[in-house]
Full PDB file with SEQRES, HELIX, SHEET, SSBOND, CRYST1, ORIGX, SCALE, CONECT and MASTER records, all heavy atoms in Angstrom:
SEQRES   1 A   30  ILE ARG GLU ASN GLU ASN ILE ILE ILE LYS GLN ASP SER          
SEQRES   2 A   30  GLY ARG ILE LYS ILE ASP ASN MET VAL GLY PRO ASN ARG          
SEQRES   3 A   30  LYS LEU LYS LYS                                              
SHEET    1 AA1 3 ARG A   2  GLU A   3  0                                        
SHEET    2 AA1 3 ASN A   6  SER A  13 -1                                        
SHEET    3 AA1 3 ILE A  16  VAL A  22 -1                                        
CRYST1    1.000    1.000    1.000  90.00  90.00  90.00 P 1           1          
ORIGX1      1.000000  0.000000  0.000000        0.00000                         
ORIGX2      0.000000  1.000000  0.000000        0.00000                         
ORIGX3      0.000000  0.000000  1.000000        0.00000                         
SCALE1      1.000000  0.000000  0.000000        0.00000                         
SCALE2      0.000000  1.000000  0.000000        0.00000                         
SCALE3      0.000000  0.000000  1.000000        0.00000                         
ATOM      1  N   ILE A   1     101.484  80.615 135.959  1.00  0.00           N  
ATOM      2  CA  ILE A   1     101.021  80.509 134.604  1.00  0.00           C  
ATOM      3  C   ILE A   1      99.742  79.492 134.640  1.00  0.00           C  
ATOM      4  O   ILE A   1      99.899  78.364 135.097  1.00  0.00           O  
ATOM      5  CB  ILE A   1     102.185  79.939 133.700  1.00  0.00           C  
ATOM      6  CG1 ILE A   1     103.309  80.841 133.669  1.00  0.00           C  
ATOM      7  CG2 ILE A   1     101.682  79.582 132.394  1.00  0.00           C  
ATOM      8  CD1 ILE A   1     104.444  80.242 132.886  1.00  0.00           C  
ATOM      9  N   ARG A   2      98.692  79.823 134.125  1.00  0.00           N  
ATOM     10  CA  ARG A   2      97.512  78.973 133.979  1.00  0.00           C  
ATOM     11  C   ARG A   2      97.781  78.158 132.693  1.00  0.00           C  
ATOM     12  O   ARG A   2      97.992  78.687 131.558  1.00  0.00           O  
ATOM     13  CB  ARG A   2      96.280  79.836 133.940  1.00  0.00           C  
ATOM     14  CG  ARG A   2      96.051  80.626 135.190  1.00  0.00           C  
ATOM     15  CD  ARG A   2      94.600  81.308 135.032  1.00  0.00           C  
ATOM     16  NE  ARG A   2      94.518  82.267 136.285  1.00  0.00           N  
ATOM     17  CZ  ARG A   2      94.127  81.880 137.478  1.00  0.00           C  
ATOM     18  NH1 ARG A   2      93.883  80.566 137.595  1.00  0.00           N  
ATOM     19  NH2 ARG A   2      93.991  82.638 138.382  1.00  0.00           N  
ATOM     20  N   GLU A   3      97.524  76.884 132.870  1.00  0.00           N  
ATOM     21  CA  GLU A   3      97.615  76.028 131.679  1.00  0.00           C  
ATOM     22  C   GLU A   3      96.574  74.965 131.790  1.00  0.00           C  
ATOM     23  O   GLU A   3      96.611  74.003 132.483  1.00  0.00           O  
ATOM     24  CB  GLU A   3      99.069  75.507 131.645  1.00  0.00           C  
ATOM     25  CG  GLU A   3      99.360  74.761 130.253  1.00  0.00           C  
ATOM     26  CD  GLU A   3     100.831  74.524 130.298  1.00  0.00           C  
ATOM     27  OE1 GLU A   3     101.345  73.549 130.825  1.00  0.00           O  
ATOM     28  OE2 GLU A   3     101.578  75.297 129.608  1.00  0.00           O  
ATOM     29  N   ASN A   4      95.464  75.142 130.906  1.00  0.00           N  
ATOM     30  CA  ASN A   4      94.445  74.213 131.026  1.00  0.00           C  
ATOM     31  C   ASN A   4      93.832  74.113 132.384  1.00  0.00           C  
ATOM     32  O   ASN A   4      93.591  75.171 132.900  1.00  0.00           O  
ATOM     33  CB  ASN A   4      94.779  72.919 130.411  1.00  0.00           C  
ATOM     34  CG  ASN A   4      95.204  73.028 128.977  1.00  0.00           C  
ATOM     35  OD1 ASN A   4      94.613  73.726 128.220  1.00  0.00           O  
ATOM     36  ND2 ASN A   4      96.259  72.206 128.632  1.00  0.00           N  
ATOM     37  N   GLU A   5      93.733  72.876 132.960  1.00  0.00           N  
ATOM     38  CA  GLU A   5      93.127  72.811 134.307  1.00  0.00           C  
ATOM     39  C   GLU A   5      94.177  72.944 135.333  1.00  0.00           C  
ATOM     40  O   GLU A   5      93.846  73.047 136.532  1.00  0.00           O  
ATOM     41  CB  GLU A   5      92.429  71.410 134.386  1.00  0.00           C  
ATOM     42  CG  GLU A   5      93.416  70.257 134.281  1.00  0.00           C  
ATOM     43  CD  GLU A   5      92.723  68.881 134.451  1.00  0.00           C  
ATOM     44  OE1 GLU A   5      91.491  68.830 134.517  1.00  0.00           O  
ATOM     45  OE2 GLU A   5      93.454  67.907 134.462  1.00  0.00           O  
ATOM     46  N   ASN A   6      95.475  72.914 134.919  1.00  0.00           N  
ATOM     47  CA  ASN A   6      96.500  73.123 135.962  1.00  0.00           C  
ATOM     48  C   ASN A   6      97.085  74.492 136.066  1.00  0.00           C  
ATOM     49  O   ASN A   6      96.842  75.292 135.224  1.00  0.00           O  
ATOM     50  CB  ASN A   6      97.724  72.081 135.495  1.00  0.00           C  
ATOM     51  CG  ASN A   6      97.239  70.700 135.398  1.00  0.00           C  
ATOM     52  OD1 ASN A   6      96.624  70.205 136.405  1.00  0.00           O  
ATOM     53  ND2 ASN A   6      97.608  70.066 134.212  1.00  0.00           N  
ATOM     54  N   ILE A   7      97.826  74.628 137.099  1.00  0.00           N  
ATOM     55  CA  ILE A   7      98.524  75.949 137.380  1.00  0.00           C  
ATOM     56  C   ILE A   7     100.019  75.571 137.522  1.00  0.00           C  
ATOM     57  O   ILE A   7     100.398  74.692 138.260  1.00  0.00           O  
ATOM     58  CB  ILE A   7      98.067  76.660 138.548  1.00  0.00           C  
ATOM     59  CG1 ILE A   7      96.625  77.149 138.391  1.00  0.00           C  
ATOM     60  CG2 ILE A   7      98.818  77.845 138.985  1.00  0.00           C  
ATOM     61  CD1 ILE A   7      95.969  77.608 139.619  1.00  0.00           C  
ATOM     62  N   ILE A   8     100.912  76.301 136.828  1.00  0.00           N  
ATOM     63  CA  ILE A   8     102.358  76.190 137.110  1.00  0.00           C  
ATOM     64  C   ILE A   8     102.856  77.354 137.695  1.00  0.00           C  
ATOM     65  O   ILE A   8     102.828  78.469 137.249  1.00  0.00           O  
ATOM     66  CB  ILE A   8     102.993  75.941 135.706  1.00  0.00           C  
ATOM     67  CG1 ILE A   8     102.556  74.784 134.974  1.00  0.00           C  
ATOM     68  CG2 ILE A   8     104.563  75.833 135.744  1.00  0.00           C  
ATOM     69  CD1 ILE A   8     103.051  74.434 133.564  1.00  0.00           C  
ATOM     70  N   ILE A   9     103.519  77.090 138.926  1.00  0.00           N  
ATOM     71  CA  ILE A   9     104.286  78.118 139.718  1.00  0.00           C  
ATOM     72  C   ILE A   9     105.697  78.024 139.366  1.00  0.00           C  
ATOM     73  O   ILE A   9     106.222  77.143 139.752  1.00  0.00           O  
ATOM     74  CB  ILE A   9     103.887  77.956 141.174  1.00  0.00           C  
ATOM     75  CG1 ILE A   9     102.339  77.909 141.394  1.00  0.00           C  
ATOM     76  CG2 ILE A   9     104.543  79.072 141.984  1.00  0.00           C  
ATOM     77  CD1 ILE A   9     101.961  77.451 142.935  1.00  0.00           C  
ATOM     78  N   LYS A  10     106.178  79.048 138.709  1.00  0.00           N  
ATOM     79  CA  LYS A  10     107.649  79.143 138.414  1.00  0.00           C  
ATOM     80  C   LYS A  10     108.367  79.974 139.340  1.00  0.00           C  
ATOM     81  O   LYS A  10     107.969  81.146 139.634  1.00  0.00           O  
ATOM     82  CB  LYS A  10     107.712  79.626 136.930  1.00  0.00           C  
ATOM     83  CG  LYS A  10     107.090  78.822 135.865  1.00  0.00           C  
ATOM     84  CD  LYS A  10     107.231  79.312 134.409  1.00  0.00           C  
ATOM     85  CE  LYS A  10     108.624  78.993 133.920  1.00  0.00           C  
ATOM     86  NZ  LYS A  10     108.758  77.584 133.689  1.00  0.00           N  
ATOM     87  N   GLN A  11     109.379  79.388 139.862  1.00  0.00           N  
ATOM     88  CA  GLN A  11     110.098  80.038 141.012  1.00  0.00           C  
ATOM     89  C   GLN A  11     111.643  80.149 140.615  1.00  0.00           C  
ATOM     90  O   GLN A  11     112.197  79.392 139.944  1.00  0.00           O  
ATOM     91  CB  GLN A  11     110.000  79.355 142.333  1.00  0.00           C  
ATOM     92  CG  GLN A  11     108.571  79.321 142.792  1.00  0.00           C  
ATOM     93  CD  GLN A  11     108.368  78.385 144.057  1.00  0.00           C  
ATOM     94  OE1 GLN A  11     108.772  77.177 143.908  1.00  0.00           O  
ATOM     95  NE2 GLN A  11     107.816  78.955 144.974  1.00  0.00           N  
ATOM     96  N   ASP A  12     112.404  81.338 141.094  1.00  0.00           N  
ATOM     97  CA  ASP A  12     113.629  81.647 140.848  1.00  0.00           C  
ATOM     98  C   ASP A  12     114.371  81.858 142.220  1.00  0.00           C  
ATOM     99  O   ASP A  12     114.083  82.771 142.932  1.00  0.00           O  
ATOM    100  CB  ASP A  12     113.794  82.752 139.846  1.00  0.00           C  
ATOM    101  CG  ASP A  12     115.182  83.016 139.431  1.00  0.00           C  
ATOM    102  OD1 ASP A  12     116.117  82.586 140.137  1.00  0.00           O  
ATOM    103  OD2 ASP A  12     115.377  83.701 138.338  1.00  0.00           O  
ATOM    104  N   SER A  13     115.316  80.898 142.535  1.00  0.00           N  
ATOM    105  CA  SER A  13     116.096  81.106 143.680  1.00  0.00           C  
ATOM    106  C   SER A  13     117.696  81.096 143.358  1.00  0.00           C  
ATOM    107  O   SER A  13     118.498  80.247 143.891  1.00  0.00           O  
ATOM    108  CB  SER A  13     115.765  79.959 144.610  1.00  0.00           C  
ATOM    109  OG  SER A  13     116.547  80.158 145.962  1.00  0.00           O  
ATOM    110  N   GLY A  14     117.942  82.135 142.547  1.00  0.00           N  
ATOM    111  CA  GLY A  14     119.394  82.127 142.195  1.00  0.00           C  
ATOM    112  C   GLY A  14     119.695  81.030 141.155  1.00  0.00           C  
ATOM    113  O   GLY A  14     119.168  81.107 140.059  1.00  0.00           O  
ATOM    114  N   ARG A  15     120.715  80.280 141.381  1.00  0.00           N  
ATOM    115  CA  ARG A  15     121.042  79.163 140.500  1.00  0.00           C  
ATOM    116  C   ARG A  15     120.076  77.988 140.274  1.00  0.00           C  
ATOM    117  O   ARG A  15     120.000  77.295 139.447  1.00  0.00           O  
ATOM    118  CB  ARG A  15     122.366  78.608 140.929  1.00  0.00           C  
ATOM    119  CG  ARG A  15     122.435  77.962 142.321  1.00  0.00           C  
ATOM    120  CD  ARG A  15     123.816  77.359 142.665  1.00  0.00           C  
ATOM    121  NE  ARG A  15     124.093  76.189 141.968  1.00  0.00           N  
ATOM    122  CZ  ARG A  15     125.363  75.636 141.805  1.00  0.00           C  
ATOM    123  NH1 ARG A  15     126.395  76.328 142.340  1.00  0.00           N  
ATOM    124  NH2 ARG A  15     125.523  74.577 141.180  1.00  0.00           N  
ATOM    125  N   ILE A  16     119.105  77.977 141.396  1.00  0.00           N  
ATOM    126  CA  ILE A  16     118.021  77.064 141.310  1.00  0.00           C  
ATOM    127  C   ILE A  16     116.864  77.521 140.730  1.00  0.00           C  
ATOM    128  O   ILE A  16     116.307  78.607 141.158  1.00  0.00           O  
ATOM    129  CB  ILE A  16     117.736  76.534 142.564  1.00  0.00           C  
ATOM    130  CG1 ILE A  16     119.039  76.019 143.355  1.00  0.00           C  
ATOM    131  CG2 ILE A  16     116.696  75.531 142.844  1.00  0.00           C  
ATOM    132  CD1 ILE A  16     119.535  74.803 142.834  1.00  0.00           C  
ATOM    133  N   LYS A  17     116.270  76.890 139.706  1.00  0.00           N  
ATOM    134  CA  LYS A  17     114.915  77.155 139.104  1.00  0.00           C  
ATOM    135  C   LYS A  17     113.910  76.068 139.491  1.00  0.00           C  
ATOM    136  O   LYS A  17     114.256  74.827 139.296  1.00  0.00           O  
ATOM    137  CB  LYS A  17     115.107  77.253 137.515  1.00  0.00           C  
ATOM    138  CG  LYS A  17     116.244  78.040 137.123  1.00  0.00           C  
ATOM    139  CD  LYS A  17     116.137  79.588 137.609  1.00  0.00           C  
ATOM    140  CE  LYS A  17     117.444  80.368 137.188  1.00  0.00           C  
ATOM    141  NZ  LYS A  17     117.399  81.721 137.677  1.00  0.00           N  
ATOM    142  N   ILE A  18     112.653  76.451 139.762  1.00  0.00           N  
ATOM    143  CA  ILE A  18     111.647  75.538 140.253  1.00  0.00           C  
ATOM    144  C   ILE A  18     110.416  75.702 139.575  1.00  0.00           C  
ATOM    145  O   ILE A  18     109.872  76.833 139.277  1.00  0.00           O  
ATOM    146  CB  ILE A  18     111.455  75.722 141.693  1.00  0.00           C  
ATOM    147  CG1 ILE A  18     112.748  75.596 142.597  1.00  0.00           C  
ATOM    148  CG2 ILE A  18     110.486  74.724 142.241  1.00  0.00           C  
ATOM    149  CD1 ILE A  18     112.960  76.792 143.506  1.00  0.00           C  
ATOM    150  N   ASP A  19     109.838  74.538 139.032  1.00  0.00           N  
ATOM    151  CA  ASP A  19     108.485  74.541 138.451  1.00  0.00           C  
ATOM    152  C   ASP A  19     107.646  73.617 139.327  1.00  0.00           C  
ATOM    153  O   ASP A  19     107.898  72.476 139.575  1.00  0.00           O  
ATOM    154  CB  ASP A  19     108.487  73.987 137.055  1.00  0.00           C  
ATOM    155  CG  ASP A  19     109.227  75.079 135.923  1.00  0.00           C  
ATOM    156  OD1 ASP A  19     109.369  76.060 136.474  1.00  0.00           O  
ATOM    157  OD2 ASP A  19     109.291  74.634 134.965  1.00  0.00           O  
ATOM    158  N   ASN A  20     106.432  74.103 139.787  1.00  0.00           N  
ATOM    159  CA  ASN A  20     105.511  73.566 140.547  1.00  0.00           C  
ATOM    160  C   ASN A  20     104.144  73.353 139.629  1.00  0.00           C  
ATOM    161  O   ASN A  20     103.590  74.330 139.237  1.00  0.00           O  
ATOM    162  CB  ASN A  20     105.067  74.065 141.766  1.00  0.00           C  
ATOM    163  CG  ASN A  20     106.367  74.487 142.643  1.00  0.00           C  
ATOM    164  OD1 ASN A  20     106.663  73.793 143.565  1.00  0.00           O  
ATOM    165  ND2 ASN A  20     106.958  75.685 142.489  1.00  0.00           N  
ATOM    166  N   MET A  21     103.733  72.080 139.403  1.00  0.00           N  
ATOM    167  CA  MET A  21     102.392  71.934 138.740  1.00  0.00           C  
ATOM    168  C   MET A  21     101.311  71.526 139.767  1.00  0.00           C  
ATOM    169  O   MET A  21     101.464  70.670 140.408  1.00  0.00           O  
ATOM    170  CB  MET A  21     102.548  70.831 137.580  1.00  0.00           C  
ATOM    171  CG  MET A  21     101.119  70.598 136.886  1.00  0.00           C  
ATOM    172  SD  MET A  21     101.210  69.281 135.653  1.00  0.00           S  
ATOM    173  CE  MET A  21     101.835  70.351 134.314  1.00  0.00           C  
ATOM    174  N   VAL A  22     100.318  72.477 139.864  1.00  0.00           N  
ATOM    175  CA  VAL A  22      99.230  72.293 140.864  1.00  0.00           C  
ATOM    176  C   VAL A  22      97.997  71.822 140.057  1.00  0.00           C  
ATOM    177  O   VAL A  22      97.602  72.607 139.099  1.00  0.00           O  
ATOM    178  CB  VAL A  22      99.074  73.603 141.624  1.00  0.00           C  
ATOM    179  CG1 VAL A  22      97.911  73.308 142.653  1.00  0.00           C  
ATOM    180  CG2 VAL A  22     100.286  73.990 142.333  1.00  0.00           C  
ATOM    181  N   GLY A  23      97.385  70.767 140.415  1.00  0.00           N  
ATOM    182  CA  GLY A  23      96.228  70.329 139.741  1.00  0.00           C  
ATOM    183  C   GLY A  23      94.992  70.934 140.280  1.00  0.00           C  
ATOM    184  O   GLY A  23      94.895  71.746 141.077  1.00  0.00           O  
ATOM    185  N   PRO A  24      93.913  70.614 139.588  1.00  0.00           N  
ATOM    186  CA  PRO A  24      92.527  71.191 140.012  1.00  0.00           C  
ATOM    187  C   PRO A  24      92.144  70.929 141.368  1.00  0.00           C  
ATOM    188  O   PRO A  24      91.300  71.662 141.938  1.00  0.00           O  
ATOM    189  CB  PRO A  24      91.536  70.508 138.999  1.00  0.00           C  
ATOM    190  CG  PRO A  24      92.161  69.449 138.352  1.00  0.00           C  
ATOM    191  CD  PRO A  24      93.719  69.682 138.549  1.00  0.00           C  
ATOM    192  N   ASN A  25      92.650  69.925 141.914  1.00  0.00           N  
ATOM    193  CA  ASN A  25      92.408  69.502 143.331  1.00  0.00           C  
ATOM    194  C   ASN A  25      93.301  70.399 144.348  1.00  0.00           C  
ATOM    195  O   ASN A  25      93.205  70.137 145.541  1.00  0.00           O  
ATOM    196  CB  ASN A  25      92.624  68.021 143.713  1.00  0.00           C  
ATOM    197  CG  ASN A  25      93.952  67.548 143.411  1.00  0.00           C  
ATOM    198  OD1 ASN A  25      94.854  68.246 143.051  1.00  0.00           O  
ATOM    199  ND2 ASN A  25      94.220  66.279 143.600  1.00  0.00           N  
ATOM    200  N   ARG A  26      94.102  71.291 143.812  1.00  0.00           N  
ATOM    201  CA  ARG A  26      94.952  72.222 144.580  1.00  0.00           C  
ATOM    202  C   ARG A  26      96.010  71.448 145.313  1.00  0.00           C  
ATOM    203  O   ARG A  26      96.661  71.841 146.276  1.00  0.00           O  
ATOM    204  CB  ARG A  26      94.251  73.061 145.614  1.00  0.00           C  
ATOM    205  CG  ARG A  26      93.258  74.113 144.920  1.00  0.00           C  
ATOM    206  CD  ARG A  26      92.665  74.977 145.874  1.00  0.00           C  
ATOM    207  NE  ARG A  26      93.652  75.628 146.742  1.00  0.00           N  
ATOM    208  CZ  ARG A  26      94.198  76.762 146.449  1.00  0.00           C  
ATOM    209  NH1 ARG A  26      93.962  77.296 145.412  1.00  0.00           N  
ATOM    210  NH2 ARG A  26      95.086  77.376 147.288  1.00  0.00           N  
ATOM    211  N   LYS A  27      96.386  70.243 144.756  1.00  0.00           N  
ATOM    212  CA  LYS A  27      97.621  69.454 145.252  1.00  0.00           C  
ATOM    213  C   LYS A  27      98.632  69.380 144.174  1.00  0.00           C  
ATOM    214  O   LYS A  27      98.490  69.591 143.015  1.00  0.00           O  
ATOM    215  CB  LYS A  27      97.086  67.975 145.492  1.00  0.00           C  
ATOM    216  CG  LYS A  27      96.077  67.916 146.624  1.00  0.00           C  
ATOM    217  CD  LYS A  27      96.428  68.361 147.889  1.00  0.00           C  
ATOM    218  CE  LYS A  27      97.665  67.503 148.592  1.00  0.00           C  
ATOM    219  NZ  LYS A  27      97.863  67.865 149.945  1.00  0.00           N  
ATOM    220  N   LEU A  28      99.821  69.281 144.770  1.00  0.00           N  
ATOM    221  CA  LEU A  28     101.090  69.399 143.864  1.00  0.00           C  
ATOM    222  C   LEU A  28     101.100  67.976 143.008  1.00  0.00           C  
ATOM    223  O   LEU A  28     101.186  67.055 143.554  1.00  0.00           O  
ATOM    224  CB  LEU A  28     102.345  69.420 144.795  1.00  0.00           C  
ATOM    225  CG  LEU A  28     103.608  69.610 143.947  1.00  0.00           C  
ATOM    226  CD1 LEU A  28     103.734  70.898 143.201  1.00  0.00           C  
ATOM    227  CD2 LEU A  28     104.813  69.545 145.040  1.00  0.00           C  
ATOM    228  N   LYS A  29     101.154  68.151 141.693  1.00  0.00           N  
ATOM    229  CA  LYS A  29     101.069  67.015 140.909  1.00  0.00           C  
ATOM    230  C   LYS A  29     102.472  66.710 140.430  1.00  0.00           C  
ATOM    231  O   LYS A  29     102.956  65.653 140.159  1.00  0.00           O  
ATOM    232  CB  LYS A  29     100.254  67.219 139.617  1.00  0.00           C  
ATOM    233  CG  LYS A  29      98.782  67.283 139.831  1.00  0.00           C  
ATOM    234  CD  LYS A  29      97.991  67.785 138.601  1.00  0.00           C  
ATOM    235  CE  LYS A  29      98.178  66.673 137.521  1.00  0.00           C  
ATOM    236  NZ  LYS A  29      97.350  67.035 136.408  1.00  0.00           N  
ATOM    237  N   LYS A  30     103.394  67.810 140.191  1.00  0.00           N  
ATOM    238  CA  LYS A  30     104.564  67.708 139.666  1.00  0.00           C  
ATOM    239  C   LYS A  30     105.487  68.789 140.241  1.00  0.00           C  
ATOM    240  O   LYS A  30     105.097  69.835 140.225  1.00  0.00           O  
ATOM    241  CB  LYS A  30     104.652  67.688 138.117  1.00  0.00           C  
ATOM    242  CG  LYS A  30     105.916  67.201 137.456  1.00  0.00           C  
ATOM    243  CD  LYS A  30     105.743  67.203 135.894  1.00  0.00           C  
ATOM    244  CE  LYS A  30     106.838  66.562 135.175  1.00  0.00           C  
ATOM    245  NZ  LYS A  30     106.849  65.154 135.292  1.00  0.00           N  
TER     246      LYS A  30                                                      
MASTER        0    0    0    0    3    0    0    6  245    1    0    3          
END                                                                             
């Protein structure tokens, strides 16, 4: 999901849900 200057990568691994926020520098912010 693109959101302003960041990208959010949403992942589903069964019971585990994961959100990764990647900044414009292509590094994981959150």
